[in-house]
Amino acid sequence: MPEFLDTPYSGSIEDMPKILEVVKKQQIADIKAKYEKLTKHLNEKGLTEWFTAGYCWGAWVAFHLATI
């Protein structure tokens, strides 16, 4: 499973201000570039169908990736 956060958060779930700080720095254009690189690699390996799933922030990413 790829990690699309540029600066993965590794602290406590109770530290919501820190979590939000990390998430707000993410740019969908950067995430899409990573996703396109990943899908190119999967296609080269013969994998042409897959799905994207996420929860909370990951769901936001999944919906954006569904548009490309």
N, C-alpha and C. Protein backbone atom coordinates (compact mmCIF):
# COMPACT_ATOMS: atom_id res chain seq x y z
N MET A 1 0.84 -1.16 0.00
CA MET A 1 0.00 0.00 0.00
C MET A 1 0.89 1.23 0.00
N PRO A 2 0.78 2.08 -0.97
CA PRO A 2 1.63 3.27 -1.01
C PRO A 2 1.22 4.30 0.03
N GLU A 3 2.17 5.05 0.48
CA GLU A 3 1.92 6.16 1.41
C GLU A 3 1.97 7.43 0.59
N PHE A 4 0.85 8.12 0.47
CA PHE A 4 0.80 9.32 -0.36
C PHE A 4 1.10 10.59 0.42
N LEU A 5 1.20 10.51 1.73
CA LEU A 5 1.57 11.70 2.49
C LEU A 5 3.05 12.00 2.24
N ASP A 6 3.36 13.24 1.89
CA ASP A 6 4.76 13.60 1.68
C ASP A 6 5.55 13.53 2.98
N THR A 7 4.92 13.94 4.05
CA THR A 7 5.55 13.88 5.36
C THR A 7 4.63 13.03 6.24
N PRO A 8 4.81 11.71 6.22
CA PRO A 8 3.90 10.87 6.99
C PRO A 8 3.84 11.28 8.46
N TYR A 9 2.65 11.22 9.01
CA TYR A 9 2.46 11.55 10.42
C TYR A 9 2.66 10.30 11.24
N SER A 10 3.48 10.37 12.26
CA SER A 10 3.76 9.18 13.07
C SER A 10 3.54 9.43 14.56
N GLY A 11 2.79 10.46 14.89
CA GLY A 11 2.56 10.76 16.30
C GLY A 11 1.27 10.16 16.82
N SER A 12 0.85 10.65 17.94
CA SER A 12 -0.35 10.18 18.61
C SER A 12 -1.60 10.67 17.90
N ILE A 13 -2.64 9.84 17.86
CA ILE A 13 -3.90 10.23 17.25
C ILE A 13 -4.54 11.39 18.01
N GLU A 14 -4.17 11.57 19.24
CA GLU A 14 -4.73 12.67 20.04
C GLU A 14 -4.15 14.03 19.66
N ASP A 15 -3.10 14.05 18.88
CA ASP A 15 -2.45 15.30 18.50
C ASP A 15 -3.06 15.84 17.21
N MET A 16 -4.36 16.15 17.25
CA MET A 16 -5.08 16.58 16.05
C MET A 16 -4.48 17.82 15.40
N PRO A 17 -4.03 18.84 16.13
CA PRO A 17 -3.41 19.99 15.45
C PRO A 17 -2.22 19.59 14.58
N LYS A 18 -1.40 18.67 15.06
CA LYS A 18 -0.24 18.22 14.29
C LYS A 18 -0.69 17.42 13.06
N ILE A 19 -1.70 16.59 13.24
CA ILE A 19 -2.23 15.81 12.11
C ILE A 19 -2.75 16.76 11.03
N LEU A 20 -3.53 17.74 11.43
CA LEU A 20 -4.09 18.69 10.47
C LEU A 20 -2.99 19.50 9.78
N GLU A 21 -1.96 19.84 10.51
CA GLU A 21 -0.83 20.57 9.93
C GLU A 21 -0.19 19.76 8.80
N VAL A 22 0.00 18.47 9.03
CA VAL A 22 0.61 17.60 8.03
C VAL A 22 -0.31 17.45 6.82
N VAL A 23 -1.59 17.19 7.06
CA VAL A 23 -2.54 16.97 5.98
C VAL A 23 -2.72 18.22 5.13
N LYS A 24 -2.78 19.38 5.73
CA LYS A 24 -2.98 20.62 4.99
C LYS A 24 -1.83 20.94 4.04
N LYS A 25 -0.66 20.39 4.29
CA LYS A 25 0.50 20.64 3.42
C LYS A 25 0.46 19.81 2.14
N GLN A 26 -0.44 18.84 2.08
CA GLN A 26 -0.49 17.95 0.93
C GLN A 26 -1.14 18.66 -0.25
N GLN A 27 -0.60 18.45 -1.42
CA GLN A 27 -1.13 19.03 -2.65
C GLN A 27 -1.61 17.90 -3.56
N ILE A 28 -2.84 17.98 -4.03
CA ILE A 28 -3.38 16.90 -4.86
C ILE A 28 -2.56 16.70 -6.14
N ALA A 29 -1.98 17.74 -6.67
CA ALA A 29 -1.15 17.58 -7.89
C ALA A 29 0.06 16.69 -7.60
N ASP A 30 0.66 16.84 -6.44
CA ASP A 30 1.80 15.99 -6.07
C ASP A 30 1.37 14.55 -5.85
N ILE A 31 0.21 14.38 -5.24
CA ILE A 31 -0.32 13.04 -4.99
C ILE A 31 -0.65 12.36 -6.31
N LYS A 32 -1.27 13.10 -7.23
CA LYS A 32 -1.60 12.54 -8.54
C LYS A 32 -0.34 12.11 -9.29
N ALA A 33 0.72 12.88 -9.17
CA ALA A 33 1.98 12.52 -9.83
C ALA A 33 2.51 11.19 -9.28
N LYS A 34 2.43 11.01 -7.98
CA LYS A 34 2.86 9.74 -7.36
C LYS A 34 1.96 8.60 -7.83
N TYR A 35 0.67 8.86 -7.88
CA TYR A 35 -0.29 7.84 -8.30
C TYR A 35 -0.04 7.43 -9.75
N GLU A 36 0.22 8.40 -10.61
CA GLU A 36 0.49 8.09 -12.01
C GLU A 36 1.77 7.27 -12.16
N LYS A 37 2.77 7.57 -11.37
CA LYS A 37 4.00 6.78 -11.38
C LYS A 37 3.71 5.35 -10.93
N LEU A 38 2.92 5.21 -9.87
CA LEU A 38 2.56 3.89 -9.37
C LEU A 38 1.77 3.11 -10.41
N THR A 39 0.76 3.75 -11.04
CA THR A 39 -0.06 3.04 -12.01
C THR A 39 0.75 2.65 -13.25
N LYS A 40 1.70 3.47 -13.63
CA LYS A 40 2.57 3.12 -14.75
C LYS A 40 3.35 1.85 -14.42
N HIS A 41 3.87 1.78 -13.21
CA HIS A 41 4.62 0.60 -12.77
C HIS A 41 3.71 -0.64 -12.76
N LEU A 42 2.49 -0.49 -12.24
CA LEU A 42 1.56 -1.61 -12.21
C LEU A 42 1.20 -2.08 -13.62
N ASN A 43 0.99 -1.13 -14.53
CA ASN A 43 0.70 -1.50 -15.92
C ASN A 43 1.86 -2.27 -16.54
N GLU A 44 3.08 -1.85 -16.25
CA GLU A 44 4.25 -2.54 -16.79
C GLU A 44 4.36 -3.96 -16.26
N LYS A 45 3.79 -4.21 -15.09
CA LYS A 45 3.79 -5.55 -14.49
C LYS A 45 2.58 -6.37 -14.92
N GLY A 46 1.75 -5.79 -15.82
CA GLY A 46 0.58 -6.50 -16.32
C GLY A 46 -0.68 -6.30 -15.51
N LEU A 47 -0.64 -5.47 -14.49
CA LEU A 47 -1.81 -5.19 -13.67
C LEU A 47 -2.53 -3.97 -14.24
N THR A 48 -3.70 -4.20 -14.79
CA THR A 48 -4.40 -3.10 -15.46
C THR A 48 -5.67 -2.66 -14.74
N GLU A 49 -6.07 -3.39 -13.71
CA GLU A 49 -7.25 -3.01 -12.94
C GLU A 49 -6.93 -3.07 -11.45
N TRP A 50 -7.36 -2.07 -10.72
CA TRP A 50 -7.17 -2.01 -9.27
C TRP A 50 -8.16 -1.02 -8.72
N PHE A 51 -8.19 -0.87 -7.43
CA PHE A 51 -9.08 0.12 -6.83
C PHE A 51 -8.31 0.93 -5.80
N THR A 52 -8.84 2.08 -5.51
CA THR A 52 -8.27 2.96 -4.51
C THR A 52 -9.29 3.10 -3.39
N ALA A 53 -8.83 2.96 -2.18
CA ALA A 53 -9.72 3.08 -1.02
C ALA A 53 -9.03 3.92 0.04
N GLY A 54 -9.82 4.55 0.84
CA GLY A 54 -9.24 5.35 1.91
C GLY A 54 -10.27 5.69 2.97
N TYR A 55 -9.80 6.11 4.08
CA TYR A 55 -10.65 6.53 5.18
C TYR A 55 -10.23 7.93 5.59
N CYS A 56 -11.18 8.81 5.77
CA CYS A 56 -10.92 10.19 6.18
C CYS A 56 -10.09 10.89 5.11
N TRP A 57 -8.87 11.26 5.41
CA TRP A 57 -8.03 11.93 4.42
C TRP A 57 -7.82 11.04 3.20
N GLY A 58 -7.66 9.76 3.42
CA GLY A 58 -7.47 8.81 2.33
C GLY A 58 -8.66 8.75 1.39
N ALA A 59 -9.87 8.95 1.92
CA ALA A 59 -11.07 8.98 1.08
C ALA A 59 -11.04 10.22 0.18
N TRP A 60 -10.59 11.34 0.72
CA TRP A 60 -10.44 12.56 -0.07
C TRP A 60 -9.50 12.30 -1.24
N VAL A 61 -8.38 11.63 -0.96
CA VAL A 61 -7.42 11.29 -2.02
C VAL A 61 -8.07 10.35 -3.03
N ALA A 62 -8.75 9.32 -2.55
CA ALA A 62 -9.37 8.34 -3.45
C ALA A 62 -10.36 9.00 -4.41
N PHE A 63 -11.17 9.93 -3.90
CA PHE A 63 -12.14 10.61 -4.77
C PHE A 63 -11.42 11.47 -5.81
N HIS A 64 -10.37 12.14 -5.42
CA HIS A 64 -9.62 12.95 -6.39
C HIS A 64 -8.95 12.06 -7.44
N LEU A 65 -8.40 10.94 -7.02
CA LEU A 65 -7.74 10.05 -7.96
C LEU A 65 -8.74 9.41 -8.92
N ALA A 66 -9.98 9.27 -8.50
CA ALA A 66 -11.01 8.71 -9.37
C ALA A 66 -11.31 9.61 -10.57
N THR A 67 -10.88 10.86 -10.50
CA THR A 67 -11.17 11.80 -11.59
C THR A 67 -10.09 11.81 -12.66
N ILE A 68 -9.01 11.07 -12.47
CA ILE A 68 -7.96 11.09 -13.48
C ILE A 68 -7.95 9.82 -14.31
